[in-house]
Amino acid sequence: MSTAIYQHHLNQLKLSTKSAIIGLIYEQMMNLPSTTSQDGEAIGLMSTDAEGLEGVAEMIHETWAQVLEVVIGMALLAREVGWLWLLLVSLIYCKHT
């Protein structure tokens, strides 16, 4: 259930980010002087740029969530095994480097 709620909020974040970016790009396009050679190119790239930037919001959101998840996991590990958590974490770190 929590995963469905999380995905719903993440989709809302993506939609509002993409809508805001498209609105800003469109507003800037309307204020530029009219040149026939560039109008079609900029409008065509508007959706592509917005889709590329909508992933940034998701990445930032995922980053802080994963950092929090690791901190909570380390705290739970430390509570279960005491001071040995330092040894376990260093073994995990050495194996991945």
C-alpha atoms as a PDB file:
ATOM      1  CA  MET A   1       0.000   0.000   0.000  1.00  0.00           C
ATOM      2  CA  SER A   2       2.793   2.409   0.866  1.00  0.00           C
ATOM      3  CA  THR A   3       4.496   1.735  -2.473  1.00  0.00           C
ATOM      4  CA  ALA A   4       1.312   2.652  -4.350  1.00  0.00           C
ATOM      5  CA  ILE A   5       0.983   5.902  -2.386  1.00  0.00           C
ATOM      6  CA  TYR A   6       4.656   6.684  -3.004  1.00  0.00           C
ATOM      7  CA  GLN A   7       4.315   6.056  -6.749  1.00  0.00           C
ATOM      8  CA  HIS A   8       1.170   8.206  -6.861  1.00  0.00           C
ATOM      9  CA  HIS A   9       2.981  11.140  -5.226  1.00  0.00           C
ATOM     10  CA  LEU A  10       6.003  10.613  -7.453  1.00  0.00           C
ATOM     11  CA  ASN A  11       3.801  10.707 -10.564  1.00  0.00           C
ATOM     12  CA  GLN A  12       2.180  13.910  -9.316  1.00  0.00           C
ATOM     13  CA  LEU A  13       5.650  15.425  -8.828  1.00  0.00           C
ATOM     14  CA  LYS A  14       6.671  14.417 -12.358  1.00  0.00           C
ATOM     15  CA  LEU A  15       3.483  15.828 -13.872  1.00  0.00           C
ATOM     16  CA  SER A  16       3.696  19.163 -12.092  1.00  0.00           C
ATOM     17  CA  THR A  17       7.419  19.495 -12.889  1.00  0.00           C
ATOM     18  CA  LYS A  18       6.890  18.718 -16.577  1.00  0.00           C
ATOM     19  CA  SER A  19       3.902  21.076 -16.802  1.00  0.00           C
ATOM     20  CA  ALA A  20       5.821  23.925 -15.202  1.00  0.00           C
ATOM     21  CA  ILE A  21       8.835  23.427 -17.471  1.00  0.00           C
ATOM     22  CA  ILE A  22       6.709  23.292 -20.621  1.00  0.00           C
ATOM     23  CA  GLY A  23       4.871  26.438 -19.525  1.00  0.00           C
ATOM     24  CA  LEU A  24       8.135  28.290 -18.930  1.00  0.00           C
ATOM     25  CA  ILE A  25       9.603  27.225 -22.271  1.00  0.00           C
ATOM     26  CA  TYR A  26       6.402  28.149 -24.106  1.00  0.00           C
ATOM     27  CA  GLU A  27       6.269  31.561 -22.429  1.00  0.00           C
ATOM     28  CA  GLN A  28       9.868  32.264 -23.438  1.00  0.00           C
ATOM     29  CA  MET A  29       9.144  31.171 -27.008  1.00  0.00           C
ATOM     30  CA  MET A  30       6.222  33.571 -27.254  1.00  0.00           C
ATOM     31  CA  ASN A  31       8.405  36.479 -26.126  1.00  0.00           C
ATOM     32  CA  LEU A  32      11.196  35.832 -28.635  1.00  0.00           C
ATOM     33  CA  PRO A  33      11.277  37.730 -31.924  1.00  0.00           C
ATOM     34  CA  SER A  34       9.735  35.770 -34.775  1.00  0.00           C
ATOM     35  CA  THR A  35      12.251  33.983 -36.980  1.00  0.00           C
ATOM     36  CA  THR A  36      10.921  31.300 -39.278  1.00  0.00           C
ATOM     37  CA  SER A  37      14.047  29.153 -39.222  1.00  0.00           C
ATOM     38  CA  GLN A  38      14.075  28.579 -35.451  1.00  0.00           C
ATOM     39  CA  ASP A  39      10.403  28.472 -34.430  1.00  0.00           C
ATOM     40  CA  GLY A  40       9.765  24.850 -35.357  1.00  0.00           C
ATOM     41  CA  GLU A  41      13.029  23.602 -33.896  1.00  0.00           C
ATOM     42  CA  ALA A  42      12.475  25.124 -30.460  1.00  0.00           C
ATOM     43  CA  ILE A  43       8.862  23.963 -30.172  1.00  0.00           C
ATOM     44  CA  GLY A  44       9.857  20.453 -31.245  1.00  0.00           C
ATOM     45  CA  LEU A  45      12.533  20.242 -28.565  1.00  0.00           C
ATOM     46  CA  MET A  46      10.236  21.580 -25.829  1.00  0.00           C
ATOM     47  CA  SER A  47       8.747  18.198 -24.933  1.00  0.00           C
ATOM     48  CA  THR A  48      12.097  16.410 -25.126  1.00  0.00           C
ATOM     49  CA  ASP A  49      13.747  18.904 -22.795  1.00  0.00           C
ATOM     50  CA  ALA A  50      10.843  18.736 -20.347  1.00  0.00           C
ATOM     51  CA  GLU A  51      10.979  14.933 -20.238  1.00  0.00           C
ATOM     52  CA  GLY A  52      14.706  15.036 -19.610  1.00  0.00           C
ATOM     53  CA  LEU A  53      14.333  17.495 -16.762  1.00  0.00           C
ATOM     54  CA  GLU A  54      11.430  15.727 -15.087  1.00  0.00           C
ATOM     55  CA  GLY A  55      13.827  12.918 -14.192  1.00  0.00           C
ATOM     56  CA  VAL A  56      15.896  15.363 -12.126  1.00  0.00           C
ATOM     57  CA  ALA A  57      13.084  15.850  -9.602  1.00  0.00           C
ATOM     58  CA  GLU A  58      12.693  12.094  -9.235  1.00  0.00           C
ATOM     59  CA  MET A  59      16.444  11.626  -8.816  1.00  0.00           C
ATOM     60  CA  ILE A  60      16.649  14.256  -6.062  1.00  0.00           C
ATOM     61  CA  HIS A  61      13.658  12.716  -4.316  1.00  0.00           C
ATOM     62  CA  GLU A  62      15.121   9.203  -4.559  1.00  0.00           C
ATOM     63  CA  THR A  63      18.528  10.361  -3.286  1.00  0.00           C
ATOM     64  CA  TRP A  64      17.312  11.808   0.008  1.00  0.00           C
ATOM     65  CA  ALA A  65      14.996   8.831   0.529  1.00  0.00           C
ATOM     66  CA  GLN A  66      17.807   6.326   0.021  1.00  0.00           C
ATOM     67  CA  VAL A  67      20.138   8.229   2.358  1.00  0.00           C
ATOM     68  CA  LEU A  68      17.429   8.146   5.023  1.00  0.00           C
ATOM     69  CA  GLU A  69      16.899   4.430   4.396  1.00  0.00           C
ATOM     70  CA  VAL A  70      20.624   3.699   4.888  1.00  0.00           C
ATOM     71  CA  VAL A  71      20.771   5.746   8.105  1.00  0.00           C
ATOM     72  CA  ILE A  72      17.752   3.928   9.539  1.00  0.00           C
ATOM     73  CA  GLY A  73      19.204   0.572   8.492  1.00  0.00           C
ATOM     74  CA  MET A  74      22.534   1.359  10.151  1.00  0.00           C
ATOM     75  CA  ALA A  75      20.772   2.419  13.353  1.00  0.00           C
ATOM     76  CA  LEU A  76      18.780  -0.829  13.412  1.00  0.00           C
ATOM     77  CA  LEU A  77      21.943  -2.834  12.756  1.00  0.00           C
ATOM     78  CA  ALA A  78      23.786  -1.029  15.556  1.00  0.00           C
ATOM     79  CA  ARG A  79      20.899  -1.724  17.932  1.00  0.00           C
ATOM     80  CA  GLU A  80      20.969  -5.455  17.145  1.00  0.00           C
ATOM     81  CA  VAL A  81      24.708  -6.193  17.109  1.00  0.00           C
ATOM     82  CA  GLY A  82      26.169  -3.369  19.192  1.00  0.00           C
ATOM     83  CA  TRP A  83      29.621  -2.075  18.342  1.00  0.00           C
ATOM     84  CA  LEU A  84      30.160  -4.836  15.739  1.00  0.00           C
ATOM     85  CA  TRP A  85      28.157  -2.777  13.246  1.00  0.00           C
ATOM     86  CA  LEU A  86      31.344  -0.821  12.497  1.00  0.00           C
ATOM     87  CA  LEU A  87      33.102  -4.028  11.481  1.00  0.00           C
ATOM     88  CA  LEU A  88      30.163  -5.164   9.361  1.00  0.00           C
ATOM     89  CA  VAL A  89      29.883  -1.822   7.581  1.00  0.00           C
ATOM     90  CA  SER A  90      33.623  -1.705   6.910  1.00  0.00           C
ATOM     91  CA  LEU A  91      33.500  -5.228   5.443  1.00  0.00           C
ATOM     92  CA  ILE A  92      30.635  -4.215   3.148  1.00  0.00           C
ATOM     93  CA  TYR A  93      32.464  -1.053   2.117  1.00  0.00           C
ATOM     94  CA  CYS A  94      35.749  -2.916   1.408  1.00  0.00           C
ATOM     95  CA  LYS A  95      33.947  -5.549  -0.666  1.00  0.00           C
ATOM     96  CA  HIS A  96      32.313  -2.901  -2.926  1.00  0.00           C
ATOM     97  CA  THR A  97      35.457  -0.852  -3.557  1.00  0.00           C
END
